[in-house]
């Protein structure tokens, strides 16, 4: 599989649309877990999050996941 340079996550819900449809920590972390091995050595993942929709719950869970990555291999 071809390696990628970058990926972008825009978390939360789509403004001016249903607030019943939004991203969730478990599925976001599954996506990150699948994506990370596809990054080139200098690859980047950008994550935009809006903490008001869940009081920061999702980004807190994602940061827990990211902070537990191998620091010798990944720069968080």
PDB file of N, CA and C in Angstrom:
ATOM      1  N   UNK A   1       0.838  -1.169   0.000  1.00  0.00           N
ATOM      2  CA  UNK A   1       0.000   0.000   0.000  1.00  0.00           C
ATOM      3  C   UNK A   1       0.888   1.240   0.000  1.00  0.00           C
ATOM      4  N   UNK A   2       0.479   2.253  -0.732  1.00  0.00           N
ATOM      5  CA  UNK A   2       1.247   3.488  -0.836  1.00  0.00           C
ATOM      6  C   UNK A   2       1.181   4.277   0.467  1.00  0.00           C
ATOM      7  N   UNK A   3       2.323   4.804   0.884  1.00  0.00           N
ATOM      8  CA  UNK A   3       2.389   5.635   2.088  1.00  0.00           C
ATOM      9  C   UNK A   3       1.859   7.035   1.775  1.00  0.00           C
ATOM     10  N   UNK A   4       1.336   7.704   2.799  1.00  0.00           N
ATOM     11  CA  UNK A   4       0.762   9.035   2.603  1.00  0.00           C
ATOM     12  C   UNK A   4       1.570  10.084   3.361  1.00  0.00           C
ATOM     13  N   UNK A   5       1.495  11.326   2.874  1.00  0.00           N
ATOM     14  CA  UNK A   5       2.199  12.446   3.500  1.00  0.00           C
ATOM     15  C   UNK A   5       1.427  13.029   4.675  1.00  0.00           C
ATOM     16  N   UNK A   6       0.102  13.111   4.537  1.00  0.00           N
ATOM     17  CA  UNK A   6      -0.685  13.799   5.562  1.00  0.00           C
ATOM     18  C   UNK A   6      -2.134  13.332   5.546  1.00  0.00           C
ATOM     19  N   UNK A   7      -2.777  13.574   6.682  1.00  0.00           N
ATOM     20  CA  UNK A   7      -4.212  13.314   6.816  1.00  0.00           C
ATOM     21  C   UNK A   7      -4.793  14.403   7.708  1.00  0.00           C
ATOM     22  N   UNK A   8      -6.076  14.687   7.518  1.00  0.00           N
ATOM     23  CA  UNK A   8      -6.757  15.723   8.293  1.00  0.00           C
ATOM     24  C   UNK A   8      -8.025  15.145   8.896  1.00  0.00           C
ATOM     25  N   UNK A   9      -8.214  15.388  10.178  1.00  0.00           N
ATOM     26  CA  UNK A   9      -9.446  15.030  10.876  1.00  0.00           C
ATOM     27  C   UNK A   9     -10.118  16.326  11.316  1.00  0.00           C
ATOM     28  N   UNK A  10     -11.397  16.464  11.047  1.00  0.00           N
ATOM     29  CA  UNK A  10     -12.191  17.606  11.497  1.00  0.00           C
ATOM     30  C   UNK A  10     -13.308  17.026  12.357  1.00  0.00           C
ATOM     31  N   UNK A  11     -13.122  17.059  13.658  1.00  0.00           N
ATOM     32  CA  UNK A  11     -13.994  16.338  14.578  1.00  0.00           C
ATOM     33  C   UNK A  11     -15.157  17.194  15.074  1.00  0.00           C
ATOM     34  N   UNK A  12     -16.176  16.510  15.526  1.00  0.00           N
ATOM     35  CA  UNK A  12     -17.359  17.183  16.057  1.00  0.00           C
ATOM     36  C   UNK A  12     -18.554  16.885  15.178  1.00  0.00           C
ATOM     37  N   UNK A  13     -19.332  17.912  14.920  1.00  0.00           N
ATOM     38  CA  UNK A  13     -20.490  17.770  14.041  1.00  0.00           C
ATOM     39  C   UNK A  13     -20.430  18.844  12.967  1.00  0.00           C
ATOM     40  N   UNK A  14     -21.209  18.666  11.933  1.00  0.00           N
ATOM     41  CA  UNK A  14     -21.236  19.608  10.821  1.00  0.00           C
ATOM     42  C   UNK A  14     -22.113  20.795  11.199  1.00  0.00           C
ATOM     43  N   UNK A  15     -21.540  22.001  11.289  1.00  0.00           N
ATOM     44  CA  UNK A  15     -22.329  23.172  11.672  1.00  0.00           C
ATOM     45  C   UNK A  15     -23.553  23.357  10.768  1.00  0.00           C
ATOM     46  N   UNK A  16     -24.616  23.811  11.357  1.00  0.00           N
ATOM     47  CA  UNK A  16     -25.885  24.081  10.680  1.00  0.00           C
ATOM     48  C   UNK A  16     -26.551  22.816  10.161  1.00  0.00           C
ATOM     49  N   UNK A  17     -26.162  21.678  10.710  1.00  0.00           N
ATOM     50  CA  UNK A  17     -26.794  20.404  10.381  1.00  0.00           C
ATOM     51  C   UNK A  17     -27.151  19.705  11.684  1.00  0.00           C
ATOM     52  N   UNK A  18     -27.655  18.524  11.588  1.00  0.00           N
ATOM     53  CA  UNK A  18     -28.096  17.783  12.766  1.00  0.00           C
ATOM     54  C   UNK A  18     -26.964  17.594  13.778  1.00  0.00           C
ATOM     55  N   UNK A  19     -27.237  17.964  15.007  1.00  0.00           N
ATOM     56  CA  UNK A  19     -26.257  17.743  16.072  1.00  0.00           C
ATOM     57  C   UNK A  19     -26.354  16.322  16.614  1.00  0.00           C
ATOM     58  N   UNK A  20     -27.222  15.532  16.001  1.00  0.00           N
ATOM     59  CA  UNK A  20     -27.347  14.119  16.371  1.00  0.00           C
ATOM     60  C   UNK A  20     -26.276  13.270  15.684  1.00  0.00           C
ATOM     61  N   UNK A  21     -25.639  13.818  14.660  1.00  0.00           N
ATOM     62  CA  UNK A  21     -24.598  13.109  13.906  1.00  0.00           C
ATOM     63  C   UNK A  21     -23.268  13.793  14.215  1.00  0.00           C
ATOM     64  N   UNK A  22     -22.380  13.065  14.878  1.00  0.00           N
ATOM     65  CA  UNK A  22     -21.100  13.645  15.264  1.00  0.00           C
ATOM     66  C   UNK A  22     -20.059  12.540  15.418  1.00  0.00           C
ATOM     67  N   UNK A  23     -18.801  12.947  15.449  1.00  0.00           N
ATOM     68  CA  UNK A  23     -17.722  11.975  15.608  1.00  0.00           C
ATOM     69  C   UNK A  23     -17.670  11.489  17.051  1.00  0.00           C
ATOM     70  N   UNK A  24     -17.132  10.289  17.214  1.00  0.00           N
ATOM     71  CA  UNK A  24     -17.045   9.668  18.543  1.00  0.00           C
ATOM     72  C   UNK A  24     -15.614   9.176  18.769  1.00  0.00           C
ATOM     73  N   UNK A  25     -15.151   9.216  20.014  1.00  0.00           N
ATOM     74  CA  UNK A  25     -13.759   8.841  20.289  1.00  0.00           C
ATOM     75  C   UNK A  25     -13.382   7.447  19.800  1.00  0.00           C
ATOM     76  N   UNK A  26     -14.243   6.468  20.025  1.00  0.00           N
ATOM     77  CA  UNK A  26     -13.883   5.087  19.666  1.00  0.00           C
ATOM     78  C   UNK A  26     -13.626   4.932  18.174  1.00  0.00           C
ATOM     79  N   UNK A  27     -14.491   5.501  17.347  1.00  0.00           N
ATOM     80  CA  UNK A  27     -14.309   5.356  15.902  1.00  0.00           C
ATOM     81  C   UNK A  27     -13.171   6.236  15.393  1.00  0.00           C
ATOM     82  N   UNK A  28     -12.974   7.387  16.018  1.00  0.00           N
ATOM     83  CA  UNK A  28     -11.847   8.238  15.626  1.00  0.00           C
ATOM     84  C   UNK A  28     -10.529   7.541  15.943  1.00  0.00           C
ATOM     85  N   UNK A  29     -10.431   6.929  17.105  1.00  0.00           N
ATOM     86  CA  UNK A  29      -9.207   6.215  17.489  1.00  0.00           C
ATOM     87  C   UNK A  29      -8.978   5.002  16.589  1.00  0.00           C
ATOM     88  N   UNK A  30     -10.040   4.296  16.233  1.00  0.00           N
ATOM     89  CA  UNK A  30      -9.893   3.186  15.272  1.00  0.00           C
ATOM     90  C   UNK A  30      -9.339   3.696  13.947  1.00  0.00           C
ATOM     91  N   UNK A  31      -9.839   4.842  13.498  1.00  0.00           N
ATOM     92  CA  UNK A  31      -9.349   5.432  12.245  1.00  0.00           C
ATOM     93  C   UNK A  31      -7.883   5.815  12.359  1.00  0.00           C
ATOM     94  N   UNK A  32      -7.521   6.459  13.459  1.00  0.00           N
ATOM     95  CA  UNK A  32      -6.121   6.834  13.669  1.00  0.00           C
ATOM     96  C   UNK A  32      -5.225   5.603  13.705  1.00  0.00           C
ATOM     97  N   UNK A  33      -5.676   4.578  14.387  1.00  0.00           N
ATOM     98  CA  UNK A  33      -4.902   3.342  14.507  1.00  0.00           C
ATOM     99  C   UNK A  33      -4.657   2.700  13.141  1.00  0.00           C
ATOM    100  N   UNK A  34      -5.629   2.793  12.254  1.00  0.00           N
ATOM    101  CA  UNK A  34      -5.477   2.255  10.897  1.00  0.00           C
ATOM    102  C   UNK A  34      -4.626   3.165  10.022  1.00  0.00           C
ATOM    103  N   UNK A  35      -4.690   4.455  10.284  1.00  0.00           N
ATOM    104  CA  UNK A  35      -4.011   5.436   9.445  1.00  0.00           C
ATOM    105  C   UNK A  35      -2.522   5.565   9.766  1.00  0.00           C
ATOM    106  N   UNK A  36      -2.166   5.528  11.014  1.00  0.00           N
ATOM    107  CA  UNK A  36      -0.780   5.779  11.430  1.00  0.00           C
ATOM    108  C   UNK A  36       0.235   4.905  10.688  1.00  0.00           C
ATOM    109  N   UNK A  37      -0.009   3.612  10.500  1.00  0.00           N
ATOM    110  CA  UNK A  37       0.974   2.804   9.764  1.00  0.00           C
ATOM    111  C   UNK A  37       1.129   3.207   8.290  1.00  0.00           C
ATOM    112  N   UNK A  38       0.186   3.958   7.771  1.00  0.00           N
ATOM    113  CA  UNK A  38       0.244   4.381   6.373  1.00  0.00           C
ATOM    114  C   UNK A  38       1.054   5.656   6.163  1.00  0.00           C
ATOM    115  N   UNK A  39       1.440   6.316   7.256  1.00  0.00           N
ATOM    116  CA  UNK A  39       2.182   7.568   7.138  1.00  0.00           C
ATOM    117  C   UNK A  39       3.622   7.332   6.702  1.00  0.00           C
ATOM    118  N   UNK A  40       4.111   8.222   5.852  1.00  0.00           N
ATOM    119  CA  UNK A  40       5.540   8.242   5.548  1.00  0.00           C
ATOM    120  C   UNK A  40       6.279   8.622   6.826  1.00  0.00           C
ATOM    121  N   UNK A  41       7.590   8.408   6.849  1.00  0.00           N
ATOM    122  CA  UNK A  41       8.374   8.735   8.044  1.00  0.00           C
ATOM    123  C   UNK A  41       8.193  10.186   8.477  1.00  0.00           C
ATOM    124  N   UNK A  42       8.036  11.082   7.535  1.00  0.00           N
ATOM    125  CA  UNK A  42       7.847  12.500   7.865  1.00  0.00           C
ATOM    126  C   UNK A  42       6.375  12.910   7.777  1.00  0.00           C
ATOM    127  N   UNK A  43       5.481  11.936   7.759  1.00  0.00           N
ATOM    128  CA  UNK A  43       4.055  12.216   7.613  1.00  0.00           C
ATOM    129  C   UNK A  43       3.458  12.924   8.816  1.00  0.00           C
ATOM    130  N   UNK A  44       2.328  13.576   8.577  1.00  0.00           N
ATOM    131  CA  UNK A  44       1.654  14.352   9.616  1.00  0.00           C
ATOM    132  C   UNK A  44       0.168  14.024   9.635  1.00  0.00           C
ATOM    133  N   UNK A  45      -0.411  14.091  10.822  1.00  0.00           N
ATOM    134  CA  UNK A  45      -1.862  14.025  10.981  1.00  0.00           C
ATOM    135  C   UNK A  45      -2.276  15.309  11.685  1.00  0.00           C
ATOM    136  N   UNK A  46      -3.219  16.009  11.103  1.00  0.00           N
ATOM    137  CA  UNK A  46      -3.748  17.235  11.685  1.00  0.00           C
ATOM    138  C   UNK A  46      -5.147  16.945  12.207  1.00  0.00           C
ATOM    139  N   UNK A  47      -5.404  17.365  13.448  1.00  0.00           N
ATOM    140  CA  UNK A  47      -6.700  17.107  14.063  1.00  0.00           C
ATOM    141  C   UNK A  47      -7.293  18.431  14.528  1.00  0.00           C
ATOM    142  N   UNK A  48      -8.436  18.795  13.945  1.00  0.00           N
ATOM    143  CA  UNK A  48      -9.198  19.966  14.394  1.00  0.00           C
ATOM    144  C   UNK A  48     -10.372  19.448  15.203  1.00  0.00           C
ATOM    145  N   UNK A  49     -10.566  20.024  16.368  1.00  0.00           N
ATOM    146  CA  UNK A  49     -11.663  19.574  17.219  1.00  0.00           C
ATOM    147  C   UNK A  49     -12.369  20.772  17.833  1.00  0.00           C
ATOM    148  N   UNK A  50     -13.620  20.597  18.107  1.00  0.00           N
ATOM    149  CA  UNK A  50     -14.448  21.638  18.693  1.00  0.00           C
ATOM    150  C   UNK A  50     -14.960  21.092  20.020  1.00  0.00           C
ATOM    151  N   UNK A  51     -14.381  21.569  21.099  1.00  0.00           N
ATOM    152  CA  UNK A  51     -14.659  20.960  22.398  1.00  0.00           C
ATOM    153  C   UNK A  51     -16.041  21.290  22.942  1.00  0.00           C
ATOM    154  N   UNK A  52     -16.716  22.256  22.364  1.00  0.00           N
ATOM    155  CA  UNK A  52     -18.010  22.655  22.925  1.00  0.00           C
ATOM    156  C   UNK A  52     -19.088  21.593  22.753  1.00  0.00           C
ATOM    157  N   UNK A  53     -18.977  20.741  21.739  1.00  0.00           N
ATOM    158  CA  UNK A  53     -20.053  19.773  21.515  1.00  0.00           C
ATOM    159  C   UNK A  53     -20.044  18.636  22.530  1.00  0.00           C
ATOM    160  N   UNK A  54     -18.922  18.355  23.145  1.00  0.00           N
ATOM    161  CA  UNK A  54     -18.877  17.257  24.133  1.00  0.00           C
ATOM    162  C   UNK A  54     -18.018  17.605  25.351  1.00  0.00           C
ATOM    163  N   UNK A  55     -17.795  18.902  25.541  1.00  0.00           N
ATOM    164  CA  UNK A  55     -16.996  19.401  26.679  1.00  0.00           C
ATOM    165  C   UNK A  55     -15.579  18.827  26.698  1.00  0.00           C
ATOM    166  N   UNK A  56     -15.042  18.532  25.528  1.00  0.00           N
ATOM    167  CA  UNK A  56     -13.667  18.060  25.417  1.00  0.00           C
ATOM    168  C   UNK A  56     -13.464  16.569  25.611  1.00  0.00           C
ATOM    169  N   UNK A  57     -14.553  15.812  25.722  1.00  0.00           N
ATOM    170  CA  UNK A  57     -14.443  14.374  25.978  1.00  0.00           C
ATOM    171  C   UNK A  57     -13.683  13.660  24.859  1.00  0.00           C
ATOM    172  N   UNK A  58     -14.061  13.929  23.597  1.00  0.00           N
ATOM    173  CA  UNK A  58     -13.433  13.211  22.484  1.00  0.00           C
ATOM    174  C   UNK A  58     -11.942  13.504  22.401  1.00  0.00           C
ATOM    175  N   UNK A  59     -11.567  14.773  22.440  1.00  0.00           N
ATOM    176  CA  UNK A  59     -10.145  15.094  22.309  1.00  0.00           C
ATOM    177  C   UNK A  59      -9.352  14.569  23.505  1.00  0.00           C
ATOM    178  N   UNK A  60      -9.966  14.515  24.674  1.00  0.00           N
ATOM    179  CA  UNK A  60      -9.304  13.938  25.847  1.00  0.00           C
ATOM    180  C   UNK A  60      -8.965  12.466  25.610  1.00  0.00           C
ATOM    181  N   UNK A  61      -9.913  11.712  25.078  1.00  0.00           N
ATOM    182  CA  UNK A  61      -9.681  10.290  24.786  1.00  0.00           C
ATOM    183  C   UNK A  61      -8.631  10.124  23.687  1.00  0.00           C
ATOM    184  N   UNK A  62      -8.689  10.979  22.677  1.00  0.00           N
ATOM    185  CA  UNK A  62      -7.725  10.908  21.575  1.00  0.00           C
ATOM    186  C   UNK A  62      -6.321  11.242  22.078  1.00  0.00           C
ATOM    187  N   UNK A  63      -6.202  12.257  22.927  1.00  0.00           N
ATOM    188  CA  UNK A  63      -4.890  12.608  23.472  1.00  0.00           C
ATOM    189  C   UNK A  63      -4.342  11.486  24.345  1.00  0.00           C
ATOM    190  N   UNK A  64      -5.209  10.814  25.100  1.00  0.00           N
ATOM    191  CA  UNK A  64      -4.762   9.644  25.870  1.00  0.00           C
ATOM    192  C   UNK A  64      -4.161   8.597  24.933  1.00  0.00           C
ATOM    193  N   UNK A  65      -4.846   8.347  23.827  1.00  0.00           N
ATOM    194  CA  UNK A  65      -4.358   7.375  22.839  1.00  0.00           C
ATOM    195  C   UNK A  65      -3.016   7.837  22.253  1.00  0.00           C
ATOM    196  N   UNK A  66      -2.958   9.086  21.793  1.00  0.00           N
ATOM    197  CA  UNK A  66      -1.748   9.598  21.154  1.00  0.00           C
ATOM    198  C   UNK A  66      -0.569   9.648  22.118  1.00  0.00           C
ATOM    199  N   UNK A  67      -0.829  10.008  23.355  1.00  0.00           N
ATOM    200  CA  UNK A  67       0.247  10.092  24.350  1.00  0.00           C
ATOM    201  C   UNK A  67       0.807   8.730  24.732  1.00  0.00           C
ATOM    202  N   UNK A  68       0.121   7.676  24.368  1.00  0.00           N
ATOM    203  CA  UNK A  68       0.615   6.324  24.642  1.00  0.00           C
ATOM    204  C   UNK A  68       1.313   5.686  23.443  1.00  0.00           C
ATOM    205  N   UNK A  69       1.452   6.444  22.356  1.00  0.00           N
ATOM    206  CA  UNK A  69       2.213   5.942  21.209  1.00  0.00           C
ATOM    207  C   UNK A  69       3.699   5.906  21.569  1.00  0.00           C
ATOM    208  N   UNK A  70       4.447   5.088  20.878  1.00  0.00           N
ATOM    209  CA  UNK A  70       5.885   4.961  21.092  1.00  0.00           C
ATOM    210  C   UNK A  70       6.570   6.292  20.773  1.00  0.00           C
ATOM    211  N   UNK A  71       7.107   6.941  21.798  1.00  0.00           N
ATOM    212  CA  UNK A  71       7.754   8.254  21.630  1.00  0.00           C
ATOM    213  C   UNK A  71       9.041   8.173  20.813  1.00  0.00           C
ATOM    214  N   UNK A  72       9.619   6.993  20.701  1.00  0.00           N
ATOM    215  CA  UNK A  72      10.817   6.832  19.876  1.00  0.00           C
ATOM    216  C   UNK A  72      10.467   6.774  18.396  1.00  0.00           C
ATOM    217  N   UNK A  73       9.215   6.512  18.105  1.00  0.00           N
ATOM    218  CA  UNK A  73       8.782   6.370  16.722  1.00  0.00           C
ATOM    219  C   UNK A  73       7.903   7.533  16.254  1.00  0.00           C
ATOM    220  N   UNK A  74       7.137   8.120  17.179  1.00  0.00           N
ATOM    221  CA  UNK A  74       6.165   9.160  16.818  1.00  0.00           C
ATOM    222  C   UNK A  74       6.387  10.414  17.643  1.00  0.00           C
ATOM    223  N   UNK A  75       6.179  11.554  17.009  1.00  0.00           N
ATOM    224  CA  UNK A  75       6.273  12.851  17.670  1.00  0.00           C
ATOM    225  C   UNK A  75       4.862  13.400  17.818  1.00  0.00           C
ATOM    226  N   UNK A  76       4.380  13.446  19.049  1.00  0.00           N
ATOM    227  CA  UNK A  76       3.016  13.919  19.311  1.00  0.00           C
ATOM    228  C   UNK A  76       3.097  15.318  19.872  1.00  0.00           C
TER     229      UNK A  76
END
